[in-house]
Amino acid sequence: MTYRPGDHKMICDRSGFEMYASESRKEWNGLIVRRDFWEPRHPQDFLRAVPDYQHVPDARPEQANNFITTAITPDDL
């Protein structure tokens, strides 16, 4: 790379290549990259979520277990 008046050298954050500042571009996430490595922000990042109301119409507290258990001992056999 040769000297260019009024231009300074930089390192690309994505590739690590040496470049001039005039050949760089700043991305949405703050990285300064070469023009060939620049990527726009994905359109999915700008979507707003639709509220999803998942409620149970007849909610009741969980009942206690009322099962009767009996243990079989060797004497019962």
PDB file of N, CA and C in Angstrom:
ATOM      1  N   MET A   1       0.844  -1.168   0.000  1.00  0.00           N
ATOM      2  CA  MET A   1       0.000   0.000   0.000  1.00  0.00           C
ATOM      3  C   MET A   1       0.896   1.240   0.000  1.00  0.00           C
ATOM      4  N   THR A   2       0.548   2.135  -0.829  1.00  0.00           N
ATOM      5  CA  THR A   2       1.342   3.351  -0.961  1.00  0.00           C
ATOM      6  C   THR A   2       0.693   4.496  -0.200  1.00  0.00           C
ATOM      7  N   TYR A   3       1.442   5.581  -0.103  1.00  0.00           N
ATOM      8  CA  TYR A   3       0.962   6.759   0.607  1.00  0.00           C
ATOM      9  C   TYR A   3      -0.110   7.477  -0.204  1.00  0.00           C
ATOM     10  N   ARG A   4      -1.215   7.843   0.464  1.00  0.00           N
ATOM     11  CA  ARG A   4      -2.260   8.657  -0.151  1.00  0.00           C
ATOM     12  C   ARG A   4      -2.451   9.878   0.738  1.00  0.00           C
ATOM     13  N   PRO A   5      -2.292  11.066   0.203  1.00  0.00           N
ATOM     14  CA  PRO A   5      -2.460  12.249   1.038  1.00  0.00           C
ATOM     15  C   PRO A   5      -3.905  12.378   1.527  1.00  0.00           C
ATOM     16  N   GLY A   6      -4.069  12.636   2.833  1.00  0.00           N
ATOM     17  CA  GLY A   6      -5.389  12.822   3.417  1.00  0.00           C
ATOM     18  C   GLY A   6      -6.139  11.538   3.708  1.00  0.00           C
ATOM     19  N   ASP A   7      -5.521  10.375   3.492  1.00  0.00           N
ATOM     20  CA  ASP A   7      -6.162   9.079   3.736  1.00  0.00           C
ATOM     21  C   ASP A   7      -5.276   8.276   4.678  1.00  0.00           C
ATOM     22  N   HIS A   8      -5.861   7.584   5.617  1.00  0.00           N
ATOM     23  CA  HIS A   8      -5.064   6.788   6.554  1.00  0.00           C
ATOM     24  C   HIS A   8      -5.418   5.312   6.428  1.00  0.00           C
ATOM     25  N   LYS A   9      -4.509   4.481   6.918  1.00  0.00           N
ATOM     26  CA  LYS A   9      -4.701   3.043   6.843  1.00  0.00           C
ATOM     27  C   LYS A   9      -5.512   2.550   8.027  1.00  0.00           C
ATOM     28  N   MET A  10      -6.274   1.501   7.801  1.00  0.00           N
ATOM     29  CA  MET A  10      -7.093   0.875   8.844  1.00  0.00           C
ATOM     30  C   MET A  10      -7.017  -0.632   8.665  1.00  0.00           C
ATOM     31  N   ILE A  11      -7.530  -1.343   9.663  1.00  0.00           N
ATOM     32  CA  ILE A  11      -7.651  -2.791   9.592  1.00  0.00           C
ATOM     33  C   ILE A  11      -9.139  -3.123   9.573  1.00  0.00           C
ATOM     34  N   CYS A  12      -9.547  -3.973   8.646  1.00  0.00           N
ATOM     35  CA  CYS A  12     -10.947  -4.395   8.537  1.00  0.00           C
ATOM     36  C   CYS A  12     -11.298  -5.267   9.752  1.00  0.00           C
ATOM     37  N   ASP A  13     -12.416  -4.952  10.414  1.00  0.00           N
ATOM     38  CA  ASP A  13     -12.830  -5.711  11.598  1.00  0.00           C
ATOM     39  C   ASP A  13     -13.286  -7.122  11.247  1.00  0.00           C
ATOM     40  N   ARG A  14     -13.748  -7.355  10.052  1.00  0.00           N
ATOM     41  CA  ARG A  14     -14.250  -8.675   9.673  1.00  0.00           C
ATOM     42  C   ARG A  14     -13.159  -9.573   9.108  1.00  0.00           C
ATOM     43  N   SER A  15     -12.333  -9.046   8.208  1.00  0.00           N
ATOM     44  CA  SER A  15     -11.359  -9.903   7.537  1.00  0.00           C
ATOM     45  C   SER A  15      -9.940  -9.741   8.061  1.00  0.00           C
ATOM     46  N   GLY A  16      -9.634  -8.612   8.689  1.00  0.00           N
ATOM     47  CA  GLY A  16      -8.279  -8.378   9.159  1.00  0.00           C
ATOM     48  C   GLY A  16      -7.363  -7.814   8.087  1.00  0.00           C
ATOM     49  N   PHE A  17      -7.902  -7.521   6.896  1.00  0.00           N
ATOM     50  CA  PHE A  17      -7.098  -6.961   5.810  1.00  0.00           C
ATOM     51  C   PHE A  17      -6.798  -5.495   6.083  1.00  0.00           C
ATOM     52  N   GLU A  18      -5.659  -5.055   5.587  1.00  0.00           N
ATOM     53  CA  GLU A  18      -5.295  -3.642   5.682  1.00  0.00           C
ATOM     54  C   GLU A  18      -5.991  -2.897   4.540  1.00  0.00           C
ATOM     55  N   MET A  19      -6.499  -1.707   4.831  1.00  0.00           N
ATOM     56  CA  MET A  19      -7.224  -0.930   3.828  1.00  0.00           C
ATOM     57  C   MET A  19      -7.069   0.545   4.131  1.00  0.00           C
ATOM     58  N   TYR A  20      -7.471   1.367   3.183  1.00  0.00           N
ATOM     59  CA  TYR A  20      -7.519   2.805   3.404  1.00  0.00           C
ATOM     60  C   TYR A  20      -8.890   3.165   3.975  1.00  0.00           C
ATOM     61  N   ALA A  21      -8.937   4.269   4.695  1.00  0.00           N
ATOM     62  CA  ALA A  21     -10.197   4.699   5.297  1.00  0.00           C
ATOM     63  C   ALA A  21     -11.240   5.008   4.233  1.00  0.00           C
ATOM     64  N   SER A  22     -10.830   5.462   3.075  1.00  0.00           N
ATOM     65  CA  SER A  22     -11.777   5.764   2.003  1.00  0.00           C
ATOM     66  C   SER A  22     -12.407   4.500   1.424  1.00  0.00           C
ATOM     67  N   GLU A  23     -11.803   3.343   1.662  1.00  0.00           N
ATOM     68  CA  GLU A  23     -12.326   2.065   1.171  1.00  0.00           C
ATOM     69  C   GLU A  23     -13.184   1.367   2.222  1.00  0.00           C
ATOM     70  N   SER A  24     -13.411   2.014   3.360  1.00  0.00           N
ATOM     71  CA  SER A  24     -14.140   1.361   4.458  1.00  0.00           C
ATOM     72  C   SER A  24     -15.576   1.853   4.542  1.00  0.00           C
ATOM     73  N   ARG A  25     -16.363   1.095   5.305  1.00  0.00           N
ATOM     74  CA  ARG A  25     -17.755   1.441   5.526  1.00  0.00           C
ATOM     75  C   ARG A  25     -18.142   0.925   6.909  1.00  0.00           C
ATOM     76  N   LYS A  26     -18.958   1.690   7.619  1.00  0.00           N
ATOM     77  CA  LYS A  26     -19.361   1.300   8.970  1.00  0.00           C
ATOM     78  C   LYS A  26     -20.688   0.560   8.912  1.00  0.00           C
ATOM     79  N   GLU A  27     -20.767  -0.586   9.615  1.00  0.00           N
ATOM     80  CA  GLU A  27     -21.986  -1.373   9.655  1.00  0.00           C
ATOM     81  C   GLU A  27     -22.867  -0.938  10.818  1.00  0.00           C
ATOM     82  N   TRP A  28     -24.078  -1.477  10.866  1.00  0.00           N
ATOM     83  CA  TRP A  28     -25.064  -1.124  11.894  1.00  0.00           C
ATOM     84  C   TRP A  28     -24.618  -1.570  13.281  1.00  0.00           C
ATOM     85  N   ASN A  29     -23.760  -2.574  13.371  1.00  0.00           N
ATOM     86  CA  ASN A  29     -23.306  -3.083  14.663  1.00  0.00           C
ATOM     87  C   ASN A  29     -22.003  -2.443  15.121  1.00  0.00           C
ATOM     88  N   GLY A  30     -21.521  -1.419  14.398  1.00  0.00           N
ATOM     89  CA  GLY A  30     -20.336  -0.690  14.811  1.00  0.00           C
ATOM     90  C   GLY A  30     -19.040  -1.163  14.177  1.00  0.00           C
ATOM     91  N   LEU A  31     -19.056  -2.251  13.414  1.00  0.00           N
ATOM     92  CA  LEU A  31     -17.839  -2.736  12.770  1.00  0.00           C
ATOM     93  C   LEU A  31     -17.489  -1.852  11.583  1.00  0.00           C
ATOM     94  N   ILE A  32     -16.208  -1.602  11.405  1.00  0.00           N
ATOM     95  CA  ILE A  32     -15.732  -0.873  10.235  1.00  0.00           C
ATOM     96  C   ILE A  32     -15.075  -1.904   9.329  1.00  0.00           C
ATOM     97  N   VAL A  33     -15.665  -2.095   8.153  1.00  0.00           N
ATOM     98  CA  VAL A  33     -15.236  -3.160   7.247  1.00  0.00           C
ATOM     99  C   VAL A  33     -14.952  -2.595   5.865  1.00  0.00           C
ATOM    100  N   ARG A  34     -14.299  -3.420   5.034  1.00  0.00           N
ATOM    101  CA  ARG A  34     -14.072  -3.041   3.644  1.00  0.00           C
ATOM    102  C   ARG A  34     -15.411  -3.002   2.922  1.00  0.00           C
ATOM    103  N   ARG A  35     -15.470  -2.226   1.860  1.00  0.00           N
ATOM    104  CA  ARG A  35     -16.734  -2.093   1.124  1.00  0.00           C
ATOM    105  C   ARG A  35     -17.229  -3.442   0.590  1.00  0.00           C
ATOM    106  N   ASP A  36     -16.320  -4.340   0.191  1.00  0.00           N
ATOM    107  CA  ASP A  36     -16.773  -5.635  -0.338  1.00  0.00           C
ATOM    108  C   ASP A  36     -17.322  -6.547   0.747  1.00  0.00           C
ATOM    109  N   PHE A  37     -17.008  -6.299   2.023  1.00  0.00           N
ATOM    110  CA  PHE A  37     -17.492  -7.143   3.120  1.00  0.00           C
ATOM    111  C   PHE A  37     -18.686  -6.547   3.853  1.00  0.00           C
ATOM    112  N   TRP A  38     -19.133  -5.369   3.456  1.00  0.00           N
ATOM    113  CA  TRP A  38     -20.230  -4.694   4.141  1.00  0.00           C
ATOM    114  C   TRP A  38     -21.538  -5.441   3.921  1.00  0.00           C
ATOM    115  N   GLU A  39     -22.327  -5.607   4.991  1.00  0.00           N
ATOM    116  CA  GLU A  39     -23.632  -6.260   4.909  1.00  0.00           C
ATOM    117  C   GLU A  39     -24.672  -5.365   5.559  1.00  0.00           C
ATOM    118  N   PRO A  40     -25.829  -5.193   4.920  1.00  0.00           N
ATOM    119  CA  PRO A  40     -26.886  -4.392   5.544  1.00  0.00           C
ATOM    120  C   PRO A  40     -27.535  -5.164   6.687  1.00  0.00           C
ATOM    121  N   ARG A  41     -28.237  -4.455   7.523  1.00  0.00           N
ATOM    122  CA  ARG A  41     -28.948  -5.097   8.627  1.00  0.00           C
ATOM    123  C   ARG A  41     -30.111  -5.909   8.057  1.00  0.00           C
ATOM    124  N   HIS A  42     -30.363  -7.066   8.658  1.00  0.00           N
ATOM    125  CA  HIS A  42     -31.400  -7.958   8.162  1.00  0.00           C
ATOM    126  C   HIS A  42     -32.782  -7.362   8.411  1.00  0.00           C
ATOM    127  N   PRO A  43     -33.704  -7.445   7.443  1.00  0.00           N
ATOM    128  CA  PRO A  43     -35.038  -6.873   7.618  1.00  0.00           C
ATOM    129  C   PRO A  43     -35.832  -7.486   8.773  1.00  0.00           C
ATOM    130  N   GLN A  44     -35.533  -8.723   9.150  1.00  0.00           N
ATOM    131  CA  GLN A  44     -36.240  -9.357  10.269  1.00  0.00           C
ATOM    132  C   GLN A  44     -35.990  -8.625  11.584  1.00  0.00           C
ATOM    133  N   ASP A  45     -34.886  -7.874  11.677  1.00  0.00           N
ATOM    134  CA  ASP A  45     -34.581  -7.133  12.900  1.00  0.00           C
ATOM    135  C   ASP A  45     -35.551  -5.986  13.139  1.00  0.00           C
ATOM    136  N   PHE A  46     -36.282  -5.573  12.110  1.00  0.00           N
ATOM    137  CA  PHE A  46     -37.168  -4.432  12.232  1.00  0.00           C
ATOM    138  C   PHE A  46     -38.630  -4.817  12.449  1.00  0.00           C
ATOM    139  N   LEU A  47     -38.929  -6.104  12.471  1.00  0.00           N
ATOM    140  CA  LEU A  47     -40.305  -6.559  12.684  1.00  0.00           C
ATOM    141  C   LEU A  47     -40.682  -6.455  14.154  1.00  0.00           C
ATOM    142  N   ARG A  48     -41.921  -6.138  14.390  1.00  0.00           N
ATOM    143  CA  ARG A  48     -42.429  -6.111  15.758  1.00  0.00           C
ATOM    144  C   ARG A  48     -43.235  -7.380  15.993  1.00  0.00           C
ATOM    145  N   ALA A  49     -43.093  -7.918  17.167  1.00  0.00           N
ATOM    146  CA  ALA A  49     -43.796  -9.154  17.493  1.00  0.00           C
ATOM    147  C   ALA A  49     -45.276  -8.876  17.728  1.00  0.00           C
ATOM    148  N   VAL A  50     -46.108  -9.833  17.340  1.00  0.00           N
ATOM    149  CA  VAL A  50     -47.542  -9.756  17.586  1.00  0.00           C
ATOM    150  C   VAL A  50     -47.796 -10.415  18.934  1.00  0.00           C
ATOM    151  N   PRO A  51     -48.526  -9.757  19.844  1.00  0.00           N
ATOM    152  CA  PRO A  51     -48.768 -10.377  21.142  1.00  0.00           C
ATOM    153  C   PRO A  51     -49.550 -11.679  20.988  1.00  0.00           C
ATOM    154  N   ASP A  52     -49.125 -12.673  21.701  1.00  0.00           N
ATOM    155  CA  ASP A  52     -49.740 -13.989  21.644  1.00  0.00           C
ATOM    156  C   ASP A  52     -50.367 -14.270  23.007  1.00  0.00           C
ATOM    157  N   TYR A  53     -51.662 -14.062  23.111  1.00  0.00           N
ATOM    158  CA  TYR A  53     -52.360 -14.250  24.388  1.00  0.00           C
ATOM    159  C   TYR A  53     -52.751 -15.715  24.532  1.00  0.00           C
ATOM    160  N   GLN A  54     -52.042 -16.425  25.374  1.00  0.00           N
ATOM    161  CA  GLN A  54     -52.324 -17.836  25.619  1.00  0.00           C
ATOM    162  C   GLN A  54     -52.815 -17.976  27.043  1.00  0.00           C
ATOM    163  N   HIS A  55     -54.094 -17.870  27.209  1.00  0.00           N
ATOM    164  CA  HIS A  55     -54.646 -18.006  28.545  1.00  0.00           C
ATOM    165  C   HIS A  55     -55.623 -19.170  28.559  1.00  0.00           C
ATOM    166  N   VAL A  56     -55.767 -19.766  29.714  1.00  0.00           N
ATOM    167  CA  VAL A  56     -56.686 -20.881  29.909  1.00  0.00           C
ATOM    168  C   VAL A  56     -58.006 -20.285  30.373  1.00  0.00           C
ATOM    169  N   PRO A  57     -59.126 -20.603  29.695  1.00  0.00           N
ATOM    170  CA  PRO A  57     -60.381 -19.967  30.055  1.00  0.00           C
ATOM    171  C   PRO A  57     -60.881 -20.325  31.456  1.00  0.00           C
ATOM    172  N   ASP A  58     -60.716 -21.560  31.913  1.00  0.00           N
ATOM    173  CA  ASP A  58     -61.204 -21.988  33.232  1.00  0.00           C
ATOM    174  C   ASP A  58     -60.037 -22.498  34.070  1.00  0.00           C
ATOM    175  N   ALA A  59     -59.198 -21.615  34.501  1.00  0.00           N
ATOM    176  CA  ALA A  59     -58.009 -22.023  35.256  1.00  0.00           C
ATOM    177  C   ALA A  59     -58.381 -22.323  36.703  1.00  0.00           C
ATOM    178  N   ARG A  60     -57.833 -23.435  37.228  1.00  0.00           N
ATOM    179  CA  ARG A  60     -58.040 -23.812  38.622  1.00  0.00           C
ATOM    180  C   ARG A  60     -56.699 -24.229  39.205  1.00  0.00           C
ATOM    181  N   PRO A  61     -56.539 -24.130  40.525  1.00  0.00           N
ATOM    182  CA  PRO A  61     -55.266 -24.559  41.116  1.00  0.00           C
ATOM    183  C   PRO A  61     -55.107 -26.069  41.006  1.00  0.00           C
ATOM    184  N   GLU A  62     -53.865 -26.494  41.040  1.00  0.00           N
ATOM    185  CA  GLU A  62     -53.580 -27.919  40.942  1.00  0.00           C
ATOM    186  C   GLU A  62     -54.067 -28.627  42.202  1.00  0.00           C
ATOM    187  N   GLN A  63     -54.759 -29.757  42.013  1.00  0.00           N
ATOM    188  CA  GLN A  63     -55.315 -30.513  43.131  1.00  0.00           C
ATOM    189  C   GLN A  63     -54.226 -31.361  43.783  1.00  0.00           C
ATOM    190  N   ALA A  64     -54.432 -31.607  45.064  1.00  0.00           N
ATOM    191  CA  ALA A  64     -53.502 -32.478  45.787  1.00  0.00           C
ATOM    192  C   ALA A  64     -53.730 -33.918  45.348  1.00  0.00           C
ATOM    193  N   ASN A  65     -52.676 -34.726  45.382  1.00  0.00           N
ATOM    194  CA  ASN A  65     -52.809 -36.137  45.029  1.00  0.00           C
ATOM    195  C   ASN A  65     -53.533 -36.871  46.147  1.00  0.00           C
ATOM    196  N   ASN A  66     -54.655 -37.505  45.810  1.00  0.00           N
ATOM    197  CA  ASN A  66     -55.464 -38.232  46.798  1.00  0.00           C
ATOM    198  C   ASN A  66     -55.426 -39.729  46.558  1.00  0.00           C
ATOM    199  N   PHE A  67     -54.320 -40.208  46.076  1.00  0.00           N
ATOM    200  CA  PHE A  67     -54.207 -41.638  45.792  1.00  0.00           C
ATOM    201  C   PHE A  67     -53.784 -42.376  47.054  1.00  0.00           C
ATOM    202  N   ILE A  68     -54.383 -43.553  47.248  1.00  0.00           N
ATOM    203  CA  ILE A  68     -54.027 -44.396  48.391  1.00  0.00           C
ATOM    204  C   ILE A  68     -53.049 -45.440  47.873  1.00  0.00           C
ATOM    205  N   THR A  69     -51.909 -45.493  48.503  1.00  0.00           N
ATOM    206  CA  THR A  69     -50.920 -46.488  48.093  1.00  0.00           C
ATOM    207  C   THR A  69     -50.722 -47.481  49.220  1.00  0.00           C
ATOM    208  N   THR A  70     -50.545 -48.692  48.838  1.00  0.00           N
ATOM    209  CA  THR A  70     -50.254 -49.734  49.818  1.00  0.00           C
ATOM    210  C   THR A  70     -48.955 -50.397  49.432  1.00  0.00           C
ATOM    211  N   ALA A  71     -48.165 -50.645  50.383  1.00  0.00           N
ATOM    212  CA  ALA A  71     -46.877 -51.299  50.131  1.00  0.00           C
ATOM    213  C   ALA A  71     -47.035 -52.788  50.415  1.00  0.00           C
ATOM    214  N   ILE A  72     -46.527 -53.581  49.538  1.00  0.00           N
ATOM    215  CA  ILE A  72     -46.553 -55.032  49.728  1.00  0.00           C
ATOM    216  C   ILE A  72     -45.256 -55.448  50.363  1.00  0.00           C
ATOM    217  N   THR A  73     -45.373 -56.120  51.481  1.00  0.00           N
ATOM    218  CA  THR A  73     -44.187 -56.582  52.188  1.00  0.00           C
ATOM    219  C   THR A  73     -43.998 -58.077  51.905  1.00  0.00           C
ATOM    220  N   PRO A  74     -42.830 -58.613  52.146  1.00  0.00           N
ATOM    221  CA  PRO A  74     -42.603 -60.033  51.914  1.00  0.00           C
ATOM    222  C   PRO A  74     -43.521 -60.926  52.774  1.00  0.00           C
ATOM    223  N   ASP A  75     -44.007 -60.404  53.887  1.00  0.00           N
ATOM    224  CA  ASP A  75     -44.888 -61.206  54.752  1.00  0.00           C
ATOM    225  C   ASP A  75     -46.264 -61.395  54.090  1.00  0.00           C
ATOM    226  N   ASP A  76     -46.661 -60.455  53.200  1.00  0.00           N
ATOM    227  CA  ASP A  76     -47.963 -60.540  52.564  1.00  0.00           C
ATOM    228  C   ASP A  76     -47.988 -61.580  51.455  1.00  0.00           C
ATOM    229  N   LEU A  77     -46.860 -62.058  50.994  1.00  0.00           N
ATOM    230  CA  LEU A  77     -46.825 -63.014  49.889  1.00  0.00           C
ATOM    231  C   LEU A  77     -47.011 -64.418  50.305  1.00  0.00           C
TER     232      LEU A  77
END
